[in-house]
Amino acid sequence: MTQSIQDILATEYVEPIPRIKTVCEDIRARHPDRVLAFIYYGSSLRDMEDPEKMLDFYVLVDSYRKTHKNPIRVILNTLFPPAVYYHAMHHEDGIKTTCKYSIMSLPAFERRCSSSAFLSVTWGRFSQPCVILFPSDETIRDRVLSARESAVRHMASQTAPLFEGQATSTKFWARGFMQSYRTELRPESSEGRSEEIVLRYKDRYDGIMRAIYGPPNADGSYNLPASSSLGTKTKWFFRRLLGKPSAGIRILSSAFTFEGGFDYVADKLERHSGVKIEASENQRKHPVLWSPVLAWKYWRKGAFR
C-alpha cells in the first residue's frame, strides 16, 4: 500500500537520547515561553551517540521580538531568517555538547516551505530526513508536518523538469539536492556525493516517489510529468546567484551571538568556500559594526559565489 507523504515523514521520528533532551531544555530556557518546536536535522541525527558531532536544530518560535534580547538581532532575523546561534553545554558526565541552532518563526517556516518560496534553503533542507522534537501541542506538530510535505512537493516540482520523462528515485533526488546545495555555502557540489546522501534513505525516497508519481516502471524508473526545463533551469541559476550572498549575510549576522563568534564564522566560510581573510582584533570584537567591510572582503575573494 502506498503511504502518504505525511505518513512517511511522521515515521522518521526517533527518540532523542538524554543528552539531546537536556540541550533542547537549555535552549528553551534561553528563550522562555517562545519555543513552539524543535526540528533536529543534519549529520548528528544519523550519529546521535557521537558526542563529537555538533547538533543542528531549527527552533521554531512565535515572535522574534520576544525571542531576541538584541533589537538588531530582531531586525536581522526578520529580514534574513533564520538567526543562527551557537551553544555549548557541559554535562554531569564530563561530556561537552556543541550545538548550532537556527531561529525562525513558525509562519516564516511555513512560507519558506511553500510553493511560493523561491530560494531553496528551507524547502530543500526539510524535504530531507529530520525529526520534530517537543512540539508545544499536536496542532503545532501537524503544522510543521504539513509544511514539510509542502517542502517535499515543492522540491519535486523543481526537480522533475530537469529530466526527460523518467528517472529513478536516486537520480531524481540526488539531482534536486545537488541543485539546492549549489545555492548555499556547502561542501557538497557533485551529483555523486548527493547520490550517497540519498542512498542512505533509499526506501524513504522510493516511498515519496510512489506517493507523488505512482508506482515505478519495470526498470525502477518513475514517469514524470511533461514540462519545459528552460524555466526551471533559469530559476536554479538565479537561486545560485542570490542564494550564496544571502547565506553569507546570515552567517555574518551570527558572528556576534557568542564569544569568539567571528572566528567560528571565518572557519565555516573557509571550510565551505576556501576563502580566508585576516581580521583585526577590533573587527573580531565588533563584527556587526564591521560586517559591511568583512562582507565586502569575502565577496571580493569569491566566498559567496
C-alpha atoms as a PDB file:
ATOM      1  CA  MET A   1       0.000   0.000   0.000  1.00  0.00           C
ATOM      2  CA  THR A   2       1.275   3.444  -0.922  1.00  0.00           C
ATOM      3  CA  GLN A   3       1.856   5.669   2.105  1.00  0.00           C
ATOM      4  CA  SER A   4       1.041   9.372   2.090  1.00  0.00           C
ATOM      5  CA  ILE A   5       3.937  11.816   2.291  1.00  0.00           C
ATOM      6  CA  GLN A   6       2.927  12.892   5.791  1.00  0.00           C
ATOM      7  CA  ASP A   7       2.846   9.244   6.921  1.00  0.00           C
ATOM      8  CA  ILE A   8       6.392   8.801   5.610  1.00  0.00           C
ATOM      9  CA  LEU A   9       7.590  11.968   7.335  1.00  0.00           C
ATOM     10  CA  ALA A  10       5.908  11.012  10.606  1.00  0.00           C
ATOM     11  CA  THR A  11       7.689   7.638  10.700  1.00  0.00           C
ATOM     12  CA  GLU A  12      11.063   9.408  10.731  1.00  0.00           C
ATOM     13  CA  TYR A  13      10.692  10.172  14.426  1.00  0.00           C
ATOM     14  CA  VAL A  14      13.412   8.823  16.703  1.00  0.00           C
ATOM     15  CA  GLU A  15      13.515   9.207  20.474  1.00  0.00           C
ATOM     16  CA  PRO A  16      16.294  11.650  21.405  1.00  0.00           C
ATOM     17  CA  ILE A  17      18.894  10.489  23.897  1.00  0.00           C
ATOM     18  CA  PRO A  18      19.045  12.262  27.314  1.00  0.00           C
ATOM     19  CA  ARG A  19      21.973  14.492  26.288  1.00  0.00           C
ATOM     20  CA  ILE A  20      19.967  15.924  23.392  1.00  0.00           C
ATOM     21  CA  LYS A  21      16.884  16.382  25.549  1.00  0.00           C
ATOM     22  CA  THR A  22      18.977  18.376  28.012  1.00  0.00           C
ATOM     23  CA  VAL A  23      20.330  20.632  25.268  1.00  0.00           C
ATOM     24  CA  CYS A  24      16.805  21.322  24.000  1.00  0.00           C
ATOM     25  CA  GLU A  25      15.644  22.131  27.525  1.00  0.00           C
ATOM     26  CA  ASP A  26      18.548  24.535  27.912  1.00  0.00           C
ATOM     27  CA  ILE A  27      17.760  26.272  24.615  1.00  0.00           C
ATOM     28  CA  ARG A  28      14.116  26.551  25.607  1.00  0.00           C
ATOM     29  CA  ALA A  29      15.199  28.158  28.898  1.00  0.00           C
ATOM     30  CA  ARG A  30      17.257  30.724  26.976  1.00  0.00           C
ATOM     31  CA  HIS A  31      14.106  31.780  25.101  1.00  0.00           C
ATOM     32  CA  PRO A  32      11.373  31.255  27.727  1.00  0.00           C
ATOM     33  CA  ASP A  33       7.776  30.786  26.540  1.00  0.00           C
ATOM     34  CA  ARG A  34       8.713  31.375  22.894  1.00  0.00           C
ATOM     35  CA  VAL A  35       9.699  27.946  21.511  1.00  0.00           C
ATOM     36  CA  LEU A  36       6.962  26.076  19.638  1.00  0.00           C
ATOM     37  CA  ALA A  37       9.014  23.125  18.345  1.00  0.00           C
ATOM     38  CA  PHE A  38      12.492  21.870  17.517  1.00  0.00           C
ATOM     39  CA  ILE A  39      13.461  20.289  14.206  1.00  0.00           C
ATOM     40  CA  TYR A  40      16.520  18.079  14.564  1.00  0.00           C
ATOM     41  CA  TYR A  41      18.465  17.510  11.337  1.00  0.00           C
ATOM     42  CA  GLY A  42      21.982  17.080   9.971  1.00  0.00           C
ATOM     43  CA  SER A  43      24.741  14.518  10.295  1.00  0.00           C
ATOM     44  CA  SER A  44      24.429  14.197  14.083  1.00  0.00           C
ATOM     45  CA  LEU A  45      20.903  12.832  13.609  1.00  0.00           C
ATOM     46  CA  ARG A  46      22.490   9.775  11.987  1.00  0.00           C
ATOM     47  CA  ASP A  47      25.172   9.515  14.711  1.00  0.00           C
ATOM     48  CA  MET A  48      23.259  10.636  17.775  1.00  0.00           C
ATOM     49  CA  GLU A  49      25.546   8.829  20.207  1.00  0.00           C
ATOM     50  CA  ASP A  50      28.695  10.551  18.920  1.00  0.00           C
ATOM     51  CA  PRO A  51      29.479  13.450  21.301  1.00  0.00           C
ATOM     52  CA  GLU A  52      31.933  14.925  18.786  1.00  0.00           C
ATOM     53  CA  LYS A  53      29.125  15.719  16.363  1.00  0.00           C
ATOM     54  CA  MET A  54      27.727  19.235  16.525  1.00  0.00           C
ATOM     55  CA  LEU A  55      23.939  19.168  16.913  1.00  0.00           C
ATOM     56  CA  ASP A  56      21.801  21.052  14.389  1.00  0.00           C
ATOM     57  CA  PHE A  57      18.331  22.340  15.215  1.00  0.00           C
ATOM     58  CA  TYR A  58      15.783  24.670  13.746  1.00  0.00           C
ATOM     59  CA  VAL A  59      13.975  26.289  16.675  1.00  0.00           C
ATOM     60  CA  LEU A  60      10.510  27.472  15.664  1.00  0.00           C
ATOM     61  CA  VAL A  61       9.217  30.408  17.721  1.00  0.00           C
ATOM     62  CA  ASP A  62       6.117  32.580  17.896  1.00  0.00           C
ATOM     63  CA  SER A  63       7.798  36.007  17.982  1.00  0.00           C
ATOM     64  CA  TYR A  64      11.211  37.384  17.013  1.00  0.00           C
ATOM     65  CA  ARG A  65      10.742  40.486  19.146  1.00  0.00           C
ATOM     66  CA  LYS A  66      10.140  38.435  22.298  1.00  0.00           C
ATOM     67  CA  THR A  67      12.767  35.824  21.451  1.00  0.00           C
ATOM     68  CA  HIS A  68      15.825  38.044  20.997  1.00  0.00           C
ATOM     69  CA  LYS A  69      17.215  40.411  23.590  1.00  0.00           C
ATOM     70  CA  ASN A  70      19.176  42.317  20.956  1.00  0.00           C
ATOM     71  CA  PRO A  71      16.980  44.582  18.748  1.00  0.00           C
ATOM     72  CA  ILE A  72      19.471  44.310  15.881  1.00  0.00           C
ATOM     73  CA  ARG A  73      19.006  40.564  16.049  1.00  0.00           C
ATOM     74  CA  VAL A  74      15.236  41.026  15.705  1.00  0.00           C
ATOM     75  CA  ILE A  75      15.713  43.047  12.500  1.00  0.00           C
ATOM     76  CA  LEU A  76      18.223  40.607  11.012  1.00  0.00           C
ATOM     77  CA  ASN A  77      16.072  37.592  11.888  1.00  0.00           C
ATOM     78  CA  THR A  78      13.068  39.236  10.210  1.00  0.00           C
ATOM     79  CA  LEU A  79      14.963  40.231   7.051  1.00  0.00           C
ATOM     80  CA  PHE A  80      17.286  37.226   6.714  1.00  0.00           C
ATOM     81  CA  PRO A  81      15.850  34.256   8.606  1.00  0.00           C
ATOM     82  CA  PRO A  82      16.955  32.141  10.266  1.00  0.00           C
ATOM     83  CA  ALA A  83      19.083  33.689  13.016  1.00  0.00           C
ATOM     84  CA  VAL A  84      21.909  31.324  13.889  1.00  0.00           C
ATOM     85  CA  TYR A  85      23.138  30.769  17.438  1.00  0.00           C
ATOM     86  CA  TYR A  86      25.961  28.675  18.800  1.00  0.00           C
ATOM     87  CA  HIS A  87      25.532  26.888  22.126  1.00  0.00           C
ATOM     88  CA  ALA A  88      27.868  24.674  24.171  1.00  0.00           C
ATOM     89  CA  MET A  89      26.964  22.626  27.246  1.00  0.00           C
ATOM     90  CA  HIS A  90      28.999  20.635  29.755  1.00  0.00           C
ATOM     91  CA  HIS A  91      27.118  17.629  31.136  1.00  0.00           C
ATOM     92  CA  GLU A  92      27.500  15.952  34.512  1.00  0.00           C
ATOM     93  CA  ASP A  93      29.356  13.018  32.958  1.00  0.00           C
ATOM     94  CA  GLY A  94      32.016  15.407  31.633  1.00  0.00           C
ATOM     95  CA  ILE A  95      30.845  15.294  28.013  1.00  0.00           C
ATOM     96  CA  LYS A  96      30.681  18.596  26.172  1.00  0.00           C
ATOM     97  CA  THR A  97      27.936  19.070  23.594  1.00  0.00           C
ATOM     98  CA  THR A  98      28.160  21.762  20.934  1.00  0.00           C
ATOM     99  CA  CYS A  99      25.076  22.896  19.108  1.00  0.00           C
ATOM    100  CA  LYS A 100      24.141  25.243  16.292  1.00  0.00           C
ATOM    101  CA  TYR A 101      20.518  26.280  16.292  1.00  0.00           C
ATOM    102  CA  SER A 102      18.612  28.457  13.864  1.00  0.00           C
ATOM    103  CA  ILE A 103      15.631  30.514  14.971  1.00  0.00           C
ATOM    104  CA  MET A 104      12.694  31.016  12.631  1.00  0.00           C
ATOM    105  CA  SER A 105       9.075  31.829  13.300  1.00  0.00           C
ATOM    106  CA  LEU A 106       6.567  29.105  12.505  1.00  0.00           C
ATOM    107  CA  PRO A 107       4.720  31.258   9.921  1.00  0.00           C
ATOM    108  CA  ALA A 108       8.038  32.072   8.219  1.00  0.00           C
ATOM    109  CA  PHE A 109       8.921  28.369   8.171  1.00  0.00           C
ATOM    110  CA  GLU A 110       5.574  27.567   6.555  1.00  0.00           C
ATOM    111  CA  ARG A 111       6.062  30.279   3.917  1.00  0.00           C
ATOM    112  CA  ARG A 112       9.595  29.170   3.124  1.00  0.00           C
ATOM    113  CA  CYS A 113       8.494  25.556   2.652  1.00  0.00           C
ATOM    114  CA  SER A 114       5.626  26.516   0.356  1.00  0.00           C
ATOM    115  CA  SER A 115       5.483  26.509  -3.432  1.00  0.00           C
ATOM    116  CA  SER A 116       5.700  30.318  -3.426  1.00  0.00           C
ATOM    117  CA  ALA A 117       9.179  30.290  -1.813  1.00  0.00           C
ATOM    118  CA  PHE A 118      11.948  30.979  -4.318  1.00  0.00           C
ATOM    119  CA  LEU A 119      15.210  30.198  -2.509  1.00  0.00           C
ATOM    120  CA  SER A 120      15.614  26.522  -1.669  1.00  0.00           C
ATOM    121  CA  VAL A 121      17.495  26.805   1.621  1.00  0.00           C
ATOM    122  CA  THR A 122      14.418  25.839   3.688  1.00  0.00           C
ATOM    123  CA  TRP A 123      12.344  23.638   1.380  1.00  0.00           C
ATOM    124  CA  GLY A 124      15.472  21.907   0.087  1.00  0.00           C
ATOM    125  CA  ARG A 125      16.742  21.122   3.573  1.00  0.00           C
ATOM    126  CA  PHE A 126      13.452  19.981   5.097  1.00  0.00           C
ATOM    127  CA  SER A 127      12.429  17.735   2.251  1.00  0.00           C
ATOM    128  CA  GLN A 128      15.285  15.593   3.633  1.00  0.00           C
ATOM    129  CA  PRO A 129      15.079  13.413   6.760  1.00  0.00           C
ATOM    130  CA  CYS A 130      14.677  15.247  10.065  1.00  0.00           C
ATOM    131  CA  VAL A 131      12.785  14.863  13.336  1.00  0.00           C
ATOM    132  CA  ILE A 132      10.222  17.121  15.017  1.00  0.00           C
ATOM    133  CA  LEU A 133      11.013  17.318  18.735  1.00  0.00           C
ATOM    134  CA  PHE A 134       8.982  18.656  21.649  1.00  0.00           C
ATOM    135  CA  PRO A 135       6.164  20.433  19.801  1.00  0.00           C
ATOM    136  CA  SER A 136       4.117  22.540  22.198  1.00  0.00           C
ATOM    137  CA  ASP A 137       0.949  20.708  21.102  1.00  0.00           C
ATOM    138  CA  GLU A 138      -0.452  18.471  18.358  1.00  0.00           C
ATOM    139  CA  THR A 139      -1.620  21.441  16.292  1.00  0.00           C
ATOM    140  CA  ILE A 140       1.943  22.745  16.078  1.00  0.00           C
ATOM    141  CA  ARG A 141       3.216  19.283  15.162  1.00  0.00           C
ATOM    142  CA  ASP A 142       0.621  18.992  12.398  1.00  0.00           C
ATOM    143  CA  ARG A 143       1.531  22.432  11.034  1.00  0.00           C
ATOM    144  CA  VAL A 144       5.214  21.505  10.875  1.00  0.00           C
ATOM    145  CA  LEU A 145       4.408  18.192   9.161  1.00  0.00           C
ATOM    146  CA  SER A 146       2.189  19.962   6.634  1.00  0.00           C
ATOM    147  CA  ALA A 147       4.939  22.491   5.930  1.00  0.00           C
ATOM    148  CA  ARG A 148       7.408  19.674   5.403  1.00  0.00           C
ATOM    149  CA  GLU A 149       5.052  17.950   2.964  1.00  0.00           C
ATOM    150  CA  SER A 150       4.887  21.248   1.047  1.00  0.00           C
ATOM    151  CA  ALA A 151       8.694  21.318   1.039  1.00  0.00           C
ATOM    152  CA  VAL A 152       8.862  17.797  -0.413  1.00  0.00           C
ATOM    153  CA  ARG A 153       6.305  18.570  -3.128  1.00  0.00           C
ATOM    154  CA  HIS A 154       7.999  21.865  -4.000  1.00  0.00           C
ATOM    155  CA  MET A 155      11.380  20.143  -4.237  1.00  0.00           C
ATOM    156  CA  ALA A 156       9.878  17.538  -6.551  1.00  0.00           C
ATOM    157  CA  SER A 157       8.225  20.164  -8.752  1.00  0.00           C
ATOM    158  CA  GLN A 158      11.547  21.997  -9.143  1.00  0.00           C
ATOM    159  CA  THR A 159      13.416  18.780  -9.949  1.00  0.00           C
ATOM    160  CA  ALA A 160      11.121  16.910 -12.357  1.00  0.00           C
ATOM    161  CA  PRO A 161      11.641  19.341 -15.289  1.00  0.00           C
ATOM    162  CA  LEU A 162      15.393  18.620 -15.144  1.00  0.00           C
ATOM    163  CA  PHE A 163      14.689  15.134 -16.546  1.00  0.00           C
ATOM    164  CA  GLU A 164      13.252  13.989 -19.841  1.00  0.00           C
ATOM    165  CA  GLY A 165      10.200  11.979 -18.845  1.00  0.00           C
ATOM    166  CA  GLN A 166      11.637   9.342 -16.496  1.00  0.00           C
ATOM    167  CA  ALA A 167      14.064   8.989 -13.587  1.00  0.00           C
ATOM    168  CA  THR A 168      14.904   6.610 -10.759  1.00  0.00           C
ATOM    169  CA  SER A 169      14.282   7.952  -7.264  1.00  0.00           C
ATOM    170  CA  THR A 170      18.025   8.039  -6.514  1.00  0.00           C
ATOM    171  CA  LYS A 171      18.907  10.061  -9.620  1.00  0.00           C
ATOM    172  CA  PHE A 172      15.863  12.289  -9.137  1.00  0.00           C
ATOM    173  CA  TRP A 173      16.504  13.378  -5.565  1.00  0.00           C
ATOM    174  CA  ALA A 174      20.275  13.474  -5.972  1.00  0.00           C
ATOM    175  CA  ARG A 175      19.977  15.962  -8.811  1.00  0.00           C
ATOM    176  CA  GLY A 176      17.466  18.087  -6.930  1.00  0.00           C
ATOM    177  CA  PHE A 177      19.592  18.209  -3.782  1.00  0.00           C
ATOM    178  CA  MET A 178      22.724  18.950  -5.789  1.00  0.00           C
ATOM    179  CA  GLN A 179      20.975  21.968  -7.298  1.00  0.00           C
ATOM    180  CA  SER A 180      19.907  23.097  -3.826  1.00  0.00           C
ATOM    181  CA  TYR A 181      23.384  22.588  -2.317  1.00  0.00           C
ATOM    182  CA  ARG A 182      24.869  24.749  -5.063  1.00  0.00           C
ATOM    183  CA  THR A 183      22.789  27.696  -3.860  1.00  0.00           C
ATOM    184  CA  GLU A 184      24.346  27.510  -0.373  1.00  0.00           C
ATOM    185  CA  LEU A 185      27.775  27.633   1.228  1.00  0.00           C
ATOM    186  CA  ARG A 186      28.145  23.866   1.431  1.00  0.00           C
ATOM    187  CA  PRO A 187      30.960  21.431   0.614  1.00  0.00           C
ATOM    188  CA  GLU A 188      28.660  19.070  -1.365  1.00  0.00           C
ATOM    189  CA  SER A 189      28.799  20.018  -5.027  1.00  0.00           C
ATOM    190  CA  SER A 190      28.641  16.829  -7.106  1.00  0.00           C
ATOM    191  CA  GLU A 191      25.720  14.623  -8.043  1.00  0.00           C
ATOM    192  CA  GLY A 192      27.757  11.598  -6.930  1.00  0.00           C
ATOM    193  CA  ARG A 193      28.013  12.980  -3.404  1.00  0.00           C
ATOM    194  CA  SER A 194      24.292  13.772  -3.442  1.00  0.00           C
ATOM    195  CA  GLU A 195      23.545  10.190  -4.530  1.00  0.00           C
ATOM    196  CA  GLU A 196      25.425   8.875  -1.484  1.00  0.00           C
ATOM    197  CA  ILE A 197      23.219  11.029   0.752  1.00  0.00           C
ATOM    198  CA  VAL A 198      20.035   9.807  -0.947  1.00  0.00           C
ATOM    199  CA  LEU A 199      21.053   6.128  -0.849  1.00  0.00           C
ATOM    200  CA  ARG A 200      21.192   6.225   2.959  1.00  0.00           C
ATOM    201  CA  TYR A 201      17.413   6.583   2.899  1.00  0.00           C
ATOM    202  CA  LYS A 202      16.554   4.830  -0.382  1.00  0.00           C
ATOM    203  CA  ASP A 203      13.304   3.292   0.887  1.00  0.00           C
ATOM    204  CA  ARG A 204      12.142   6.717   2.061  1.00  0.00           C
ATOM    205  CA  TYR A 205      12.701   8.337  -1.320  1.00  0.00           C
ATOM    206  CA  ASP A 206      11.142   5.402  -3.168  1.00  0.00           C
ATOM    207  CA  GLY A 207       8.055   5.812  -0.978  1.00  0.00           C
ATOM    208  CA  ILE A 208       7.847   9.544  -1.672  1.00  0.00           C
ATOM    209  CA  MET A 209       8.189   8.957  -5.423  1.00  0.00           C
ATOM    210  CA  ARG A 210       5.295   6.460  -5.313  1.00  0.00           C
ATOM    211  CA  ALA A 211       3.190   8.937  -3.331  1.00  0.00           C
ATOM    212  CA  ILE A 212       3.766  11.687  -5.924  1.00  0.00           C
ATOM    213  CA  TYR A 213       4.166   9.881  -9.240  1.00  0.00           C
ATOM    214  CA  GLY A 214       2.590   6.461  -8.722  1.00  0.00           C
ATOM    215  CA  PRO A 215       4.190   3.003  -8.969  1.00  0.00           C
ATOM    216  CA  PRO A 216       7.560   2.603 -10.730  1.00  0.00           C
ATOM    217  CA  ASN A 217       8.144   1.060 -14.135  1.00  0.00           C
ATOM    218  CA  ALA A 218       9.678  -2.391 -14.552  1.00  0.00           C
ATOM    219  CA  ASP A 219      13.176  -0.844 -14.700  1.00  0.00           C
ATOM    220  CA  GLY A 220      12.647   1.040 -11.424  1.00  0.00           C
ATOM    221  CA  SER A 221      12.166   4.450 -13.032  1.00  0.00           C
ATOM    222  CA  TYR A 222       9.173   6.723 -12.474  1.00  0.00           C
ATOM    223  CA  ASN A 223       7.162   8.550 -15.114  1.00  0.00           C
ATOM    224  CA  LEU A 224       7.445  12.313 -14.622  1.00  0.00           C
ATOM    225  CA  PRO A 225       5.032  14.972 -15.882  1.00  0.00           C
ATOM    226  CA  ALA A 226       5.926  16.583 -19.182  1.00  0.00           C
ATOM    227  CA  SER A 227       7.281  20.110 -18.716  1.00  0.00           C
ATOM    228  CA  SER A 228       9.806  22.514 -20.158  1.00  0.00           C
ATOM    229  CA  SER A 229      13.202  22.530 -18.442  1.00  0.00           C
ATOM    230  CA  LEU A 230      14.229  26.029 -19.566  1.00  0.00           C
ATOM    231  CA  GLY A 231      12.183  27.924 -16.979  1.00  0.00           C
ATOM    232  CA  THR A 232      13.284  25.622 -14.159  1.00  0.00           C
ATOM    233  CA  LYS A 233      16.960  25.815 -15.131  1.00  0.00           C
ATOM    234  CA  THR A 234      16.662  29.606 -15.172  1.00  0.00           C
ATOM    235  CA  LYS A 235      15.187  29.574 -11.672  1.00  0.00           C
ATOM    236  CA  TRP A 236      18.047  27.418 -10.373  1.00  0.00           C
ATOM    237  CA  PHE A 237      20.536  29.817 -11.979  1.00  0.00           C
ATOM    238  CA  PHE A 238      19.050  32.784 -10.129  1.00  0.00           C
ATOM    239  CA  ARG A 239      18.825  30.781  -6.914  1.00  0.00           C
ATOM    240  CA  ARG A 240      22.583  30.214  -7.143  1.00  0.00           C
ATOM    241  CA  LEU A 241      23.119  33.901  -7.922  1.00  0.00           C
ATOM    242  CA  LEU A 242      21.111  35.070  -4.892  1.00  0.00           C
ATOM    243  CA  GLY A 243      21.475  32.157  -2.500  1.00  0.00           C
ATOM    244  CA  LYS A 244      25.165  32.344  -1.605  1.00  0.00           C
ATOM    245  CA  PRO A 245      25.205  36.070  -0.771  1.00  0.00           C
ATOM    246  CA  SER A 246      22.082  35.544   1.355  1.00  0.00           C
ATOM    247  CA  ALA A 247      23.776  32.646   3.135  1.00  0.00           C
ATOM    248  CA  GLY A 248      26.837  34.797   3.707  1.00  0.00           C
ATOM    249  CA  ILE A 249      24.751  37.544   5.287  1.00  0.00           C
ATOM    250  CA  ARG A 250      23.090  35.020   7.611  1.00  0.00           C
ATOM    251  CA  ILE A 251      26.452  33.614   8.638  1.00  0.00           C
ATOM    252  CA  LEU A 252      27.992  37.036   9.251  1.00  0.00           C
ATOM    253  CA  SER A 253      24.941  38.127  11.238  1.00  0.00           C
ATOM    254  CA  SER A 254      25.570  35.204  13.596  1.00  0.00           C
ATOM    255  CA  ALA A 255      29.090  36.397  14.365  1.00  0.00           C
ATOM    256  CA  PHE A 256      28.097  38.436  17.403  1.00  0.00           C
ATOM    257  CA  THR A 257      25.820  35.883  19.077  1.00  0.00           C
ATOM    258  CA  PHE A 258      28.592  34.258  21.108  1.00  0.00           C
ATOM    259  CA  GLU A 259      32.144  34.785  22.274  1.00  0.00           C
ATOM    260  CA  GLY A 260      34.604  34.003  19.515  1.00  0.00           C
ATOM    261  CA  GLY A 261      31.771  34.192  17.003  1.00  0.00           C
ATOM    262  CA  PHE A 262      33.772  35.738  14.205  1.00  0.00           C
ATOM    263  CA  ASP A 263      36.438  33.033  14.376  1.00  0.00           C
ATOM    264  CA  TYR A 264      33.706  30.379  14.196  1.00  0.00           C
ATOM    265  CA  VAL A 265      32.142  32.061  11.158  1.00  0.00           C
ATOM    266  CA  ALA A 266      35.511  32.593   9.469  1.00  0.00           C
ATOM    267  CA  ASP A 267      36.342  28.903   9.909  1.00  0.00           C
ATOM    268  CA  LYS A 268      32.961  27.899   8.438  1.00  0.00           C
ATOM    269  CA  LEU A 269      33.434  30.145   5.407  1.00  0.00           C
ATOM    270  CA  GLU A 270      36.963  28.879   4.854  1.00  0.00           C
ATOM    271  CA  ARG A 271      35.856  25.221   5.008  1.00  0.00           C
ATOM    272  CA  HIS A 272      32.952  25.750   2.619  1.00  0.00           C
ATOM    273  CA  SER A 273      34.455  28.235   0.153  1.00  0.00           C
ATOM    274  CA  GLY A 274      38.233  28.012   0.618  1.00  0.00           C
ATOM    275  CA  VAL A 275      38.369  31.756   1.278  1.00  0.00           C
ATOM    276  CA  LYS A 276      40.291  33.124   4.264  1.00  0.00           C
ATOM    277  CA  ILE A 277      40.678  36.739   5.315  1.00  0.00           C
ATOM    278  CA  GLU A 278      42.658  38.378   8.074  1.00  0.00           C
ATOM    279  CA  ALA A 279      40.571  40.372  10.553  1.00  0.00           C
ATOM    280  CA  SER A 280      41.842  42.866  13.078  1.00  0.00           C
ATOM    281  CA  GLU A 281      41.230  42.477  16.801  1.00  0.00           C
ATOM    282  CA  ASN A 282      38.749  45.347  16.637  1.00  0.00           C
ATOM    283  CA  GLN A 283      36.850  43.634  13.814  1.00  0.00           C
ATOM    284  CA  ARG A 284      36.693  40.418  15.838  1.00  0.00           C
ATOM    285  CA  LYS A 285      35.414  42.321  18.845  1.00  0.00           C
ATOM    286  CA  HIS A 286      32.785  44.296  16.915  1.00  0.00           C
ATOM    287  CA  PRO A 287      31.791  42.100  13.929  1.00  0.00           C
ATOM    288  CA  VAL A 288      28.386  43.777  13.478  1.00  0.00           C
ATOM    289  CA  LEU A 289      29.938  47.226  13.143  1.00  0.00           C
ATOM    290  CA  TRP A 290      32.490  45.896  10.691  1.00  0.00           C
ATOM    291  CA  SER A 291      30.168  43.468   8.892  1.00  0.00           C
ATOM    292  CA  PRO A 292      29.870  45.559   5.666  1.00  0.00           C
ATOM    293  CA  VAL A 293      33.676  45.686   5.360  1.00  0.00           C
ATOM    294  CA  LEU A 294      34.075  42.000   6.193  1.00  0.00           C
ATOM    295  CA  ALA A 295      31.291  41.007   3.795  1.00  0.00           C
ATOM    296  CA  TRP A 296      32.926  43.039   1.018  1.00  0.00           C
ATOM    297  CA  LYS A 297      36.277  41.346   1.608  1.00  0.00           C
ATOM    298  CA  TYR A 298      34.678  37.908   1.435  1.00  0.00           C
ATOM    299  CA  TRP A 299      32.693  38.859  -1.657  1.00  0.00           C
ATOM    300  CA  ARG A 300      35.795  40.132  -3.487  1.00  0.00           C
ATOM    301  CA  LYS A 301      37.562  36.839  -2.833  1.00  0.00           C
ATOM    302  CA  GLY A 302      34.571  34.820  -4.090  1.00  0.00           C
ATOM    303  CA  ALA A 303      33.313  33.312  -0.836  1.00  0.00           C
ATOM    304  CA  PHE A 304      29.645  33.799  -1.766  1.00  0.00           C
ATOM    305  CA  ARG A 305      29.802  32.718  -5.421  1.00  0.00           C
END
